PDB file of N, CA and C in Angstrom:
ATOM      1  N   MET A   1     112.760  42.289 128.355  1.00  0.00           N
ATOM      2  CA  MET A   1     112.876  42.767 129.626  1.00  0.00           C
ATOM      3  C   MET A   1     112.473  44.083 129.643  1.00  0.00           C
ATOM      4  N   GLY A   2     113.398  44.546 127.756  1.00  0.00           N
ATOM      5  CA  GLY A   2     113.166  45.708 127.522  1.00  0.00           C
ATOM      6  C   GLY A   2     111.771  46.479 127.599  1.00  0.00           C
ATOM      7  N   ILE A   3     110.932  46.099 127.378  1.00  0.00           N
ATOM      8  CA  ILE A   3     109.469  46.399 127.122  1.00  0.00           C
ATOM      9  C   ILE A   3     108.611  46.637 129.275  1.00  0.00           C
ATOM     10  N   ILE A   4     109.322  45.699 129.440  1.00  0.00           N
ATOM     11  CA  ILE A   4     109.118  45.925 131.079  1.00  0.00           C
ATOM     12  C   ILE A   4     109.640  47.067 131.470  1.00  0.00           C
ATOM     13  N   LYS A   5     110.784  47.598 131.173  1.00  0.00           N
ATOM     14  CA  LYS A   5     111.940  48.471 131.772  1.00  0.00           C
ATOM     15  C   LYS A   5     111.372  49.441 131.546  1.00  0.00           C
ATOM     16  N   ASP A   6     110.502  49.825 130.466  1.00  0.00           N
ATOM     17  CA  ASP A   6     110.439  50.817 128.947  1.00  0.00           C
ATOM     18  C   ASP A   6     109.011  51.268 129.899  1.00  0.00           C
ATOM     19  N   PHE A   7     108.242  50.214 130.473  1.00  0.00           N
ATOM     20  CA  PHE A   7     106.746  50.512 130.660  1.00  0.00           C
ATOM     21  C   PHE A   7     107.070  51.227 132.323  1.00  0.00           C
ATOM     22  N   LYS A   8     108.048  50.650 133.046  1.00  0.00           N
ATOM     23  CA  LYS A   8     107.921  51.189 134.561  1.00  0.00           C
ATOM     24  C   LYS A   8     108.665  52.263 134.234  1.00  0.00           C
ATOM     25  N   ASN A   9     109.921  53.087 133.289  1.00  0.00           N
ATOM     26  CA  ASN A   9     110.131  54.776 132.775  1.00  0.00           C
ATOM     27  C   ASN A   9     109.183  55.614 132.679  1.00  0.00           C
ATOM     28  N   PHE A  10     108.050  54.521 131.818  1.00  0.00           N
ATOM     29  CA  PHE A  10     107.084  55.564 131.138  1.00  0.00           C
ATOM     30  C   PHE A  10     106.136  55.549 132.357  1.00  0.00           C
ATOM     31  N   ILE A  11     105.895  55.176 133.126  1.00  0.00           N
ATOM     32  CA  ILE A  11     105.215  55.101 134.666  1.00  0.00           C
ATOM     33  C   ILE A  11     105.650  56.283 135.741  1.00  0.00           C
ATOM     34  N   ILE A  12     106.656  56.353 135.302  1.00  0.00           N
ATOM     35  CA  ILE A  12     107.309  56.778 136.678  1.00  0.00           C
ATOM     36  C   ILE A  12     108.169  57.995 136.654  1.00  0.00           C
ATOM     37  N   LYS A  13     107.986  58.223 135.029  1.00  0.00           N
ATOM     38  CA  LYS A  13     108.289  59.679 134.539  1.00  0.00           C
ATOM     39  C   LYS A  13     107.019  60.453 134.717  1.00  0.00           C
ATOM     40  N   GLY A  14     105.670  59.975 134.690  1.00  0.00           N
ATOM     41  CA  GLY A  14     104.580  61.270 135.242  1.00  0.00           C
ATOM     42  C   GLY A  14     104.039  60.964 134.106  1.00  0.00           C
ATOM     43  N   ASN A  15     104.288  60.141 132.580  1.00  0.00           N
ATOM     44  CA  ASN A  15     103.184  60.546 132.002  1.00  0.00           C
ATOM     45  C   ASN A  15     101.968  59.989 132.452  1.00  0.00           C
ATOM     46  N   ILE A  16     101.560  59.139 133.091  1.00  0.00           N
ATOM     47  CA  ILE A  16     100.252  58.227 133.212  1.00  0.00           C
ATOM     48  C   ILE A  16      99.489  59.490 133.941  1.00  0.00           C
ATOM     49  N   ILE A  17     100.005  60.236 134.518  1.00  0.00           N
ATOM     50  CA  ILE A  17      98.981  61.651 135.480  1.00  0.00           C
ATOM     51  C   ILE A  17      99.175  62.550 135.079  1.00  0.00           C
ATOM     52  N   ASP A  18      99.403  62.788 134.262  1.00  0.00           N
ATOM     53  CA  ASP A  18      99.475  63.480 132.713  1.00  0.00           C
ATOM     54  C   ASP A  18      98.333  63.317 132.476  1.00  0.00           C
ATOM     55  N   LEU A  19      97.991  62.460 132.231  1.00  0.00           N
ATOM     56  CA  LEU A  19      97.316  61.858 131.257  1.00  0.00           C
ATOM     57  C   LEU A  19      95.612  61.388 131.624  1.00  0.00           C
ATOM     58  N   ALA A  20      96.039  61.345 133.092  1.00  0.00           N
ATOM     59  CA  ALA A  20      95.371  60.725 134.141  1.00  0.00           C
ATOM     60  C   ALA A  20      93.887  62.112 134.656  1.00  0.00           C
ATOM     61  N   VAL A  21      94.783  63.068 133.756  1.00  0.00           N
ATOM     62  CA  VAL A  21      94.037  64.388 134.731  1.00  0.00           C
ATOM     63  C   VAL A  21      93.753  64.914 133.037  1.00  0.00           C
ATOM     64  N   GLY A  22      94.197  64.420 132.124  1.00  0.00           N
ATOM     65  CA  GLY A  22      93.519  64.637 131.357  1.00  0.00           C
ATOM     66  C   GLY A  22      92.313  64.249 130.476  1.00  0.00           C
ATOM     67  N   VAL A  23      92.309  63.311 131.024  1.00  0.00           N
ATOM     68  CA  VAL A  23      90.847  62.347 131.166  1.00  0.00           C
ATOM     69  C   VAL A  23      89.753  62.981 131.925  1.00  0.00           C
ATOM     70  N   VAL A  24      90.252  63.143 133.355  1.00  0.00           N
ATOM     71  CA  VAL A  24      89.157  63.564 133.414  1.00  0.00           C
ATOM     72  C   VAL A  24      89.052  65.890 133.762  1.00  0.00           C
ATOM     73  N   ILE A  25      89.365  66.702 132.912  1.00  0.00           N
ATOM     74  CA  ILE A  25      88.869  67.782 132.881  1.00  0.00           C
ATOM     75  C   ILE A  25      88.561  67.142 131.058  1.00  0.00           C
ATOM     76  N   GLY A  26      88.922  65.940 130.408  1.00  0.00           N
ATOM     77  CA  GLY A  26      88.150  66.206 129.815  1.00  0.00           C
ATOM     78  C   GLY A  26      86.721  65.267 129.808  1.00  0.00           C
ATOM     79  N   ILE A  27      86.710  64.840 130.962  1.00  0.00           N
ATOM     80  CA  ILE A  27      84.540  64.225 131.652  1.00  0.00           C
ATOM     81  C   ILE A  27      84.644  65.435 131.753  1.00  0.00           C
ATOM     82  N   ALA A  28      84.849  66.199 132.684  1.00  0.00           N
ATOM     83  CA  ALA A  28      84.124  67.615 133.911  1.00  0.00           C
ATOM     84  C   ALA A  28      84.254  68.890 132.892  1.00  0.00           C
ATOM     85  N   PHE A  29      85.127  68.885 131.149  1.00  0.00           N
ATOM     86  CA  PHE A  29      84.625  69.774 129.740  1.00  0.00           C
ATOM     87  C   PHE A  29      83.274  69.537 129.410  1.00  0.00           C
ATOM     88  N   ASN A  30      83.608  68.179 129.215  1.00  0.00           N
ATOM     89  CA  ASN A  30      82.039  67.239 128.286  1.00  0.00           C
ATOM     90  C   ASN A  30      80.673  67.624 129.269  1.00  0.00           C
ATOM     91  N   GLN A  31      80.885  67.237 130.493  1.00  0.00           N
ATOM     92  CA  GLN A  31      79.628  67.724 131.307  1.00  0.00           C
ATOM     93  C   GLN A  31      78.992  69.319 130.779  1.00  0.00           C
ATOM     94  N   VAL A  32      80.146  69.985 131.142  1.00  0.00           N
ATOM     95  CA  VAL A  32      79.817  71.418 130.415  1.00  0.00           C
ATOM     96  C   VAL A  32      79.192  71.725 129.492  1.00  0.00           C
ATOM     97  N   VAL A  33      79.563  71.253 128.788  1.00  0.00           N
ATOM     98  CA  VAL A  33      79.175  71.752 126.907  1.00  0.00           C
ATOM     99  C   VAL A  33      78.199  70.778 127.128  1.00  0.00           C
ATOM    100  N   ASN A  34      78.107  69.628 127.809  1.00  0.00           N
ATOM    101  CA  ASN A  34      76.434  68.864 127.226  1.00  0.00           C
ATOM    102  C   ASN A  34      75.219  70.117 128.124  1.00  0.00           C
ATOM    103  N   SER A  35      75.712  70.635 129.058  1.00  0.00           N
ATOM    104  CA  SER A  35      74.715  71.286 129.754  1.00  0.00           C
ATOM    105  C   SER A  35      74.606  72.646 128.816  1.00  0.00           C
ATOM    106  N   LEU A  36      75.133  73.462 127.864  1.00  0.00           N
ATOM    107  CA  LEU A  36      75.507  74.084 127.650  1.00  0.00           C
ATOM    108  C   LEU A  36      74.829  74.187 126.077  1.00  0.00           C
ATOM    109  N   VAL A  37      74.630  72.722 125.349  1.00  0.00           N
ATOM    110  CA  VAL A  37      73.763  71.982 124.733  1.00  0.00           C
ATOM    111  C   VAL A  37      72.314  73.113 125.353  1.00  0.00           C
ATOM    112  N   ASN A  38      72.070  71.262 126.722  1.00  0.00           N
ATOM    113  CA  ASN A  38      70.811  71.098 126.657  1.00  0.00           C
ATOM    114  C   ASN A  38      70.455  72.143 126.944  1.00  0.00           C
ATOM    115  N   ASP A  39      71.050  73.161 128.172  1.00  0.00           N
ATOM    116  CA  ASP A  39      70.045  73.731 128.883  1.00  0.00           C
ATOM    117  C   ASP A  39      70.299  75.109 128.174  1.00  0.00           C
ATOM    118  N   ILE A  40      70.880  75.693 127.104  1.00  0.00           N
ATOM    119  CA  ILE A  40      71.356  76.636 126.782  1.00  0.00           C
ATOM    120  C   ILE A  40      70.873  77.225 125.487  1.00  0.00           C
ATOM    121  N   ILE A  41      71.453  76.355 124.449  1.00  0.00           N
ATOM    122  CA  ILE A  41      71.664  76.671 123.203  1.00  0.00           C
ATOM    123  C   ILE A  41      69.883  75.684 122.984  1.00  0.00           C
ATOM    124  N   ASN A  42      70.182  74.707 123.141  1.00  0.00           N
ATOM    125  CA  ASN A  42      68.834  74.102 122.694  1.00  0.00           C
ATOM    126  C   ASN A  42      67.385  74.943 123.645  1.00  0.00           C
ATOM    127  N   PRO A  43      67.242  75.454 124.610  1.00  0.00           N
ATOM    128  CA  PRO A  43      65.710  76.484 125.038  1.00  0.00           C
ATOM    129  C   PRO A  43      66.004  77.200 123.985  1.00  0.00           C
ATOM    130  N   LEU A  44      67.387  78.154 123.253  1.00  0.00           N
ATOM    131  CA  LEU A  44      67.074  78.988 122.482  1.00  0.00           C
ATOM    132  C   LEU A  44      66.955  79.251 121.350  1.00  0.00           C
ATOM    133  N   ILE A  45      67.273  77.653 120.899  1.00  0.00           N
ATOM    134  CA  ILE A  45      66.640  77.075 119.572  1.00  0.00           C
ATOM    135  C   ILE A  45      65.299  76.923 119.635  1.00  0.00           C
ATOM    136  N   SER A  46      65.011  76.205 120.709  1.00  0.00           N
ATOM    137  CA  SER A  46      63.274  75.989 121.113  1.00  0.00           C
ATOM    138  C   SER A  46      62.606  77.555 120.725  1.00  0.00           C
ATOM    139  N   LEU A  47      62.883  78.587 121.713  1.00  0.00           N
ATOM    140  CA  LEU A  47      62.542  79.726 121.716  1.00  0.00           C
ATOM    141  C   LEU A  47      62.386  80.192 120.076  1.00  0.00           C
ATOM    142  N   PHE A  48      63.183  80.536 119.380  1.00  0.00           N
ATOM    143  CA  PHE A  48      63.218  80.918 118.099  1.00  0.00           C
ATOM    144  C   PHE A  48      62.355  80.320 117.020  1.00  0.00           C
ATOM    145  N   THR A  49      62.180  78.993 117.157  1.00  0.00           N
ATOM    146  CA  THR A  49      61.469  77.579 116.723  1.00  0.00           C
ATOM    147  C   THR A  49      60.042  78.226 116.824  1.00  0.00           C
ATOM    148  N   GLY A  50      59.312  78.480 117.974  1.00  0.00           N
ATOM    149  CA  GLY A  50      58.538  78.316 118.440  1.00  0.00           C
ATOM    150  C   GLY A  50      58.266  77.224 118.963  1.00  0.00           C
ATOM    151  N   GLY A  51      58.616  76.318 119.988  1.00  0.00           N
ATOM    152  CA  GLY A  51      58.585  75.987 120.698  1.00  0.00           C
ATOM    153  C   GLY A  51      59.307  74.037 120.378  1.00  0.00           C
ATOM    154  N   ILE A  52      60.370  74.242 119.014  1.00  0.00           N
ATOM    155  CA  ILE A  52      60.686  72.813 118.903  1.00  0.00           C
ATOM    156  C   ILE A  52      61.707  72.114 119.724  1.00  0.00           C
ATOM    157  N   ASP A  53      61.825  71.316 120.003  1.00  0.00           N
ATOM    158  CA  ASP A  53      63.274  70.906 120.740  1.00  0.00           C
ATOM    159  C   ASP A  53      63.563  69.874 120.078  1.00  0.00           C
ATOM    160  N   LEU A  54      64.962  70.048 120.300  1.00  0.00           N
ATOM    161  CA  LEU A  54      65.707  69.244 118.962  1.00  0.00           C
ATOM    162  C   LEU A  54      66.253  67.971 119.273  1.00  0.00           C
ATOM    163  N   SER A  55      66.080  67.822 120.466  1.00  0.00           N
ATOM    164  CA  SER A  55      66.507  66.245 121.455  1.00  0.00           C
ATOM    165  C   SER A  55      65.468  65.457 121.079  1.00  0.00           C
ATOM    166  N   THR A  56      63.893  65.903 121.368  1.00  0.00           N
ATOM    167  CA  THR A  56      63.048  64.839 120.861  1.00  0.00           C
ATOM    168  C   THR A  56      62.452  64.958 119.519  1.00  0.00           C
ATOM    169  N   PHE A  57      63.305  65.631 118.525  1.00  0.00           N
ATOM    170  CA  PHE A  57      63.115  65.149 117.155  1.00  0.00           C
ATOM    171  C   PHE A  57      63.843  64.345 116.074  1.00  0.00           C
ATOM    172  N   LYS A  58      62.748  63.343 115.658  1.00  0.00           N
ATOM    173  CA  LYS A  58      63.097  61.921 114.998  1.00  0.00           C
ATOM    174  C   LYS A  58      62.329  61.408 114.027  1.00  0.00           C
ATOM    175  N   ILE A  59      62.980  60.893 113.017  1.00  0.00           N
ATOM    176  CA  ILE A  59      62.694  60.875 111.598  1.00  0.00           C
ATOM    177  C   ILE A  59      62.070  59.072 111.581  1.00  0.00           C
ATOM    178  N   GLY A  60      61.095  57.977 111.613  1.00  0.00           N
ATOM    179  CA  GLY A  60      60.728  57.057 111.889  1.00  0.00           C
ATOM    180  C   GLY A  60      61.882  57.111 113.610  1.00  0.00           C
ATOM    181  N   PRO A  61      62.340  55.967 113.634  1.00  0.00           N
ATOM    182  CA  PRO A  61      62.809  55.121 114.873  1.00  0.00           C
ATOM    183  C   PRO A  61      64.150  55.593 114.176  1.00  0.00           C
ATOM    184  N   LEU A  62      64.815  56.857 113.820  1.00  0.00           N
ATOM    185  CA  LEU A  62      65.935  57.657 114.033  1.00  0.00           C
ATOM    186  C   LEU A  62      65.589  58.876 115.103  1.00  0.00           C
ATOM    187  N   TYR A  63      66.180  58.917 116.250  1.00  0.00           N
ATOM    188  CA  TYR A  63      66.415  60.314 117.099  1.00  0.00           C
ATOM    189  C   TYR A  63      67.403  60.939 116.336  1.00  0.00           C
ATOM    190  N   ILE A  64      67.389  62.082 115.434  1.00  0.00           N
ATOM    191  CA  ILE A  64      68.234  63.179 114.582  1.00  0.00           C
ATOM    192  C   ILE A  64      68.466  64.225 115.851  1.00  0.00           C
ATOM    193  N   GLY A  65      67.636  64.272 116.925  1.00  0.00           N
ATOM    194  CA  GLY A  65      68.077  65.425 117.280  1.00  0.00           C
ATOM    195  C   GLY A  65      68.773  65.253 118.214  1.00  0.00           C
ATOM    196  N   LYS A  66      68.963  63.569 118.512  1.00  0.00           N
ATOM    197  CA  LYS A  66      70.129  63.552 119.487  1.00  0.00           C
ATOM    198  C   LYS A  66      71.580  63.668 119.065  1.00  0.00           C
ATOM    199  N   PHE A  67      71.341  63.037 117.607  1.00  0.00           N
ATOM    200  CA  PHE A  67      72.824  63.284 116.924  1.00  0.00           C
ATOM    201  C   PHE A  67      73.128  64.305 116.750  1.00  0.00           C
ATOM    202  N   LEU A  68      71.796  65.426 115.997  1.00  0.00           N
ATOM    203  CA  LEU A  68      71.873  67.250 116.203  1.00  0.00           C
ATOM    204  C   LEU A  68      72.963  67.549 117.616  1.00  0.00           C
ATOM    205  N   ASN A  69      72.553  67.318 118.562  1.00  0.00           N
ATOM    206  CA  ASN A  69      72.888  67.896 119.466  1.00  0.00           C
ATOM    207  C   ASN A  69      74.415  67.053 119.844  1.00  0.00           C
ATOM    208  N   SER A  70      75.122  65.756 119.064  1.00  0.00           N
ATOM    209  CA  SER A  70      76.221  65.516 119.653  1.00  0.00           C
ATOM    210  C   SER A  70      76.705  66.326 118.845  1.00  0.00           C
ATOM    211  N   ILE A  71      76.653  66.804 117.668  1.00  0.00           N
ATOM    212  CA  ILE A  71      77.618  67.117 116.367  1.00  0.00           C
ATOM    213  C   ILE A  71      77.537  69.160 116.986  1.00  0.00           C
ATOM    214  N   ILE A  72      76.431  69.313 117.231  1.00  0.00           N
ATOM    215  CA  ILE A  72      76.984  70.843 118.550  1.00  0.00           C
ATOM    216  C   ILE A  72      77.688  70.776 119.668  1.00  0.00           C
ATOM    217  N   SER A  73      77.398  69.810 120.418  1.00  0.00           N
ATOM    218  CA  SER A  73      78.313  70.043 120.904  1.00  0.00           C
ATOM    219  C   SER A  73      79.618  69.377 120.508  1.00  0.00           C
ATOM    220  N   PHE A  74      80.378  68.846 119.725  1.00  0.00           N
ATOM    221  CA  PHE A  74      81.435  68.769 118.761  1.00  0.00           C
ATOM    222  C   PHE A  74      81.872  69.739 118.641  1.00  0.00           C
ATOM    223  N   LEU A  75      81.124  70.143 118.100  1.00  0.00           N
ATOM    224  CA  LEU A  75      81.964  71.746 117.045  1.00  0.00           C
ATOM    225  C   LEU A  75      82.141  72.594 118.187  1.00  0.00           C
ATOM    226  N   ILE A  76      81.129  73.082 119.168  1.00  0.00           N
ATOM    227  CA  ILE A  76      81.679  73.724 120.120  1.00  0.00           C
ATOM    228  C   ILE A  76      82.900  72.955 121.095  1.00  0.00           C
ATOM    229  N   VAL A  77      82.956  71.715 121.635  1.00  0.00           N
ATOM    230  CA  VAL A  77      84.189  71.719 122.074  1.00  0.00           C
ATOM    231  C   VAL A  77      85.853  71.955 121.314  1.00  0.00           C
ATOM    232  N   ALA A  78      85.494  71.331 119.449  1.00  0.00           N
ATOM    233  CA  ALA A  78      86.338  71.674 119.094  1.00  0.00           C
ATOM    234  C   ALA A  78      87.136  73.082 118.282  1.00  0.00           C
ATOM    235  N   ALA A  79      86.061  74.127 118.792  1.00  0.00           N
ATOM    236  CA  ALA A  79      86.234  75.289 118.640  1.00  0.00           C
ATOM    237  C   ALA A  79      86.753  76.114 119.757  1.00  0.00           C
ATOM    238  N   SER A  80      86.504  75.068 121.088  1.00  0.00           N
ATOM    239  CA  SER A  80      86.821  75.427 122.155  1.00  0.00           C
ATOM    240  C   SER A  80      88.839  75.145 121.952  1.00  0.00           C
ATOM    241  N   ILE A  81      88.554  74.018 121.689  1.00  0.00           N
ATOM    242  CA  ILE A  81      90.203  73.121 121.601  1.00  0.00           C
ATOM    243  C   ILE A  81      91.087  73.939 121.196  1.00  0.00           C
ATOM    244  N   TYR A  82      90.371  74.688 119.805  1.00  0.00           N
ATOM    245  CA  TYR A  82      91.133  75.399 118.628  1.00  0.00           C
ATOM    246  C   TYR A  82      91.912  76.633 119.237  1.00  0.00           C
ATOM    247  N   PHE A  83      90.124  77.374 120.401  1.00  0.00           N
ATOM    248  CA  PHE A  83      90.645  78.840 120.263  1.00  0.00           C
ATOM    249  C   PHE A  83      91.297  79.373 121.397  1.00  0.00           C
ATOM    250  N   PHE A  84      91.183  78.131 122.711  1.00  0.00           N
ATOM    251  CA  PHE A  84      91.510  78.265 123.477  1.00  0.00           C
ATOM    252  C   PHE A  84      93.699  77.674 124.055  1.00  0.00           C
ATOM    253  N   ILE A  85      93.208  77.039 122.723  1.00  0.00           N
ATOM    254  CA  ILE A  85      94.644  76.003 123.421  1.00  0.00           C
ATOM    255  C   ILE A  85      95.698  76.071 121.684  1.00  0.00           C
ATOM    256  N   VAL A  86      95.534  75.970 120.789  1.00  0.00           N
ATOM    257  CA  VAL A  86      96.308  75.606 119.058  1.00  0.00           C
ATOM    258  C   VAL A  86      96.235  76.549 119.596  1.00  0.00           C
ATOM    259  N   LEU A  87      95.178  77.941 118.531  1.00  0.00           N
ATOM    260  CA  LEU A  87      96.034  79.033 117.754  1.00  0.00           C
ATOM    261  C   LEU A  87      96.576  79.663 119.033  1.00  0.00           C
ATOM    262  N   PRO A  88      96.974  79.919 120.824  1.00  0.00           N
ATOM    263  CA  PRO A  88      97.626  80.207 121.367  1.00  0.00           C
ATOM    264  C   PRO A  88      99.056  79.969 121.004  1.00  0.00           C
ATOM    265  N   LEU A  89      98.819  78.466 121.196  1.00  0.00           N
ATOM    266  CA  LEU A  89     100.094  78.043 121.565  1.00  0.00           C
ATOM    267  C   LEU A  89     100.942  78.101 119.988  1.00  0.00           C
ATOM    268  N   ASN A  90     100.103  78.571 118.609  1.00  0.00           N
ATOM    269  CA  ASN A  90     100.277  78.300 117.473  1.00  0.00           C
ATOM    270  C   ASN A  90     101.476  79.893 117.467  1.00  0.00           C
ATOM    271  N   LYS A  91     100.701  80.430 118.284  1.00  0.00           N
ATOM    272  CA  LYS A  91     101.388  82.091 118.673  1.00  0.00           C
ATOM    273  C   LYS A  91     102.765  82.373 119.033  1.00  0.00           C
ATOM    274  N   ILE A  92     102.563  81.126 119.718  1.00  0.00           N
ATOM    275  CA  ILE A  92     103.950  81.057 120.863  1.00  0.00           C
ATOM    276  C   ILE A  92     104.995  80.351 120.343  1.00  0.00           C
ATOM    277  N   ASN A  93     104.780  79.725 119.632  1.00  0.00           N
ATOM    278  CA  ASN A  93     105.509  78.726 119.143  1.00  0.00           C
ATOM    279  C   ASN A  93     106.134  79.689 117.638  1.00  0.00           C
ATOM    280  N   LYS A  94     105.404  80.605 117.266  1.00  0.00           N
ATOM    281  CA  LYS A  94     105.724  81.409 116.195  1.00  0.00           C
ATOM    282  C   LYS A  94     107.139  82.332 116.276  1.00  0.00           C
ATOM    283  N   LEU A  95     106.357  82.796 117.305  1.00  0.00           N
ATOM    284  CA  LEU A  95     107.379  84.478 118.395  1.00  0.00           C
ATOM    285  C   LEU A  95     108.535  83.691 118.460  1.00  0.00           C
ATOM    286  N   LYS A  96     108.304  82.110 119.279  1.00  0.00           N
ATOM    287  CA  LYS A  96     110.013  81.517 119.780  1.00  0.00           C
ATOM    288  C   LYS A  96     110.546  81.725 118.437  1.00  0.00           C
ATOM    289  N   ASN A  97     110.352  81.335 117.311  1.00  0.00           N
ATOM    290  CA  ASN A  97     111.033  80.558 116.055  1.00  0.00           C
ATOM    291  C   ASN A  97     111.445  82.015 115.529  1.00  0.00           C
ATOM    292  N   LYS A  98     110.333  82.831 115.503  1.00  0.00           N
ATOM    293  CA  LYS A  98     111.035  84.324 115.139  1.00  0.00           C
ATOM    294  C   LYS A  98     112.062  84.578 115.774  1.00  0.00           C
ATOM    295  N   ASN A  99     112.208  84.726 116.857  1.00  0.00           N
ATOM    296  CA  ASN A  99     113.575  84.991 118.312  1.00  0.00           C
ATOM    297  C   ASN A  99     114.189  84.201 118.337  1.00  0.00           C
ATOM    298  N   GLU A 100     114.657  82.739 117.828  1.00  0.00           N
ATOM    299  CA  GLU A 100     115.449  81.999 117.817  1.00  0.00           C
ATOM    300  C   GLU A 100     116.318  82.320 116.225  1.00  0.00           C
ATOM    301  N   GLN A 101     115.677  82.872 115.074  1.00  0.00           N
ATOM    302  CA  GLN A 101     116.278  82.705 113.901  1.00  0.00           C
ATOM    303  C   GLN A 101     116.020  84.060 113.561  1.00  0.00           C
ATOM    304  N   SER A 102     116.614  85.271 114.659  1.00  0.00           N
ATOM    305  CA  SER A 102     116.701  86.786 114.288  1.00  0.00           C
ATOM    306  C   SER A 102     118.287  86.554 115.097  1.00  0.00           C
ATOM    307  N   PRO A 103     118.711  87.959 114.068  1.00  0.00           N
ATOM    308  CA  PRO A 103     120.328  87.726 114.866  1.00  0.00           C
ATOM    309  C   PRO A 103     120.473  88.514 115.597  1.00  0.00           C
ATOM    310  N   LEU A 104     121.211  87.444 116.803  1.00  0.00           N
ATOM    311  CA  LEU A 104     122.033  89.000 118.459  1.00  0.00           C
ATOM    312  C   LEU A 104     122.676  89.823 117.658  1.00  0.00           C
ATOM    313  N   SER A 105     122.103  91.341 118.001  1.00  0.00           N
ATOM    314  CA  SER A 105     123.371  92.631 118.192  1.00  0.00           C
ATOM    315  C   SER A 105     123.799  92.510 119.444  1.00  0.00           C
ATOM    316  N   GLU A 106     125.085  92.899 119.226  1.00  0.00           N
ATOM    317  CA  GLU A 106     125.676  93.428 120.513  1.00  0.00           C
ATOM    318  C   GLU A 106     126.682  94.320 120.588  1.00  0.00           C
TER     319      GLU A 106
END
């Protein structure tokens, strides 16, 4: 009975809603990043390399270009998460810890 009760509490507390919102935002962000790579970055690379399209680049049966697009997308997502979420939260936590450790003068 403990597991069922814990699961019920998990659902009631709203963690499922937070998770669902995170997944939906992640999917939307993925579409934006894919569009950025396919519609902006690849044409720029093509412009500077004389018309080479990364997505069609292949060696034998291996689609290396699609893999390179996936790596570029991953790096954009990772950089976005780091610079817009991790870095600001780390700064906030440093400030919070600094304020908690400093003695209060009255």
